[in-house]
Amino acid sequence: LSIPHRKMTIRPFVLKPLLQIDPEIVHPVTKERLKVYLDNCDTKDLVLYKELIEADV
């Protein structure tokens, strides 16, 4: 495992939780905002655990 993982920028299940913690977070190597990467990902099937819980309440 490498940190940052070399494919994190194409994995919305990694990017979205990081952006929930810090909406302004940048990639430590490229210095690009992670939101830019998330905006380029297909997130239509992305479901986060917290969203599932809130939907059931």
Protein backbone atom coordinates (compact mmCIF):
# COMPACT_ATOMS: atom_id res chain seq x y z
CA LEU A 1 0.00 0.00 0.00
CA SER A 2 1.23 3.45 -0.92
CA ILE A 3 0.03 6.63 0.73
CA PRO A 4 -1.30 8.48 -1.04
CA HIS A 5 -2.58 5.56 -3.07
CA ARG A 6 -1.75 6.03 -6.75
CA LYS A 7 -5.39 5.53 -7.81
CA MET A 8 -7.10 7.57 -5.11
CA THR A 9 -7.87 10.33 -7.61
CA ILE A 10 -10.17 8.03 -9.60
CA ARG A 11 -11.95 6.45 -6.62
CA PRO A 12 -14.95 8.43 -5.44
CA PHE A 13 -15.37 6.17 -2.38
CA VAL A 14 -12.03 7.57 -1.19
CA LEU A 15 -12.48 11.17 -2.31
CA LYS A 16 -15.96 11.89 -0.99
CA PRO A 17 -15.28 11.02 2.68
CA LEU A 18 -12.05 13.01 2.60
CA LEU A 19 -13.93 16.00 1.24
CA GLN A 20 -16.58 15.65 3.93
CA ILE A 21 -13.82 15.99 6.51
CA ASP A 22 -12.08 18.86 4.74
CA PRO A 23 -13.78 20.40 1.66
CA GLU A 24 -10.58 22.29 0.78
CA ILE A 25 -8.19 19.33 0.98
CA VAL A 26 -5.53 19.08 -1.72
CA HIS A 27 -3.62 16.11 -3.06
CA PRO A 28 -0.28 15.98 -1.23
CA VAL A 29 1.72 15.37 -4.41
CA THR A 30 -0.13 17.16 -7.22
CA LYS A 31 -1.41 20.02 -5.01
CA GLU A 32 -4.72 19.85 -6.90
CA ARG A 33 -7.93 20.17 -4.89
CA LEU A 34 -9.54 16.75 -4.41
CA LYS A 35 -12.89 18.23 -5.39
CA VAL A 36 -11.55 18.57 -8.94
CA TYR A 37 -10.86 14.84 -9.03
CA LEU A 38 -14.25 13.98 -7.54
CA ASP A 39 -16.00 16.20 -10.09
CA ASN A 40 -14.39 14.08 -12.82
CA CYS A 41 -15.50 10.76 -11.28
CA ASP A 42 -18.68 8.85 -12.01
CA THR A 43 -20.52 8.99 -8.68
CA LYS A 44 -24.00 7.89 -9.73
CA ASP A 45 -23.64 4.53 -7.96
CA LEU A 46 -21.71 5.87 -4.96
CA VAL A 47 -23.52 5.23 -1.67
CA LEU A 48 -21.87 6.07 1.61
CA TYR A 49 -22.76 4.31 4.85
CA LYS A 50 -23.80 7.51 6.65
CA GLU A 51 -26.21 8.38 3.82
CA LEU A 52 -27.82 4.94 4.15
CA ILE A 53 -28.37 5.42 7.88
CA GLU A 54 -29.84 8.91 7.45
CA ALA A 55 -32.18 7.65 4.72
CA ASP A 56 -33.59 5.03 7.10
CA VAL A 57 -34.34 7.53 9.88
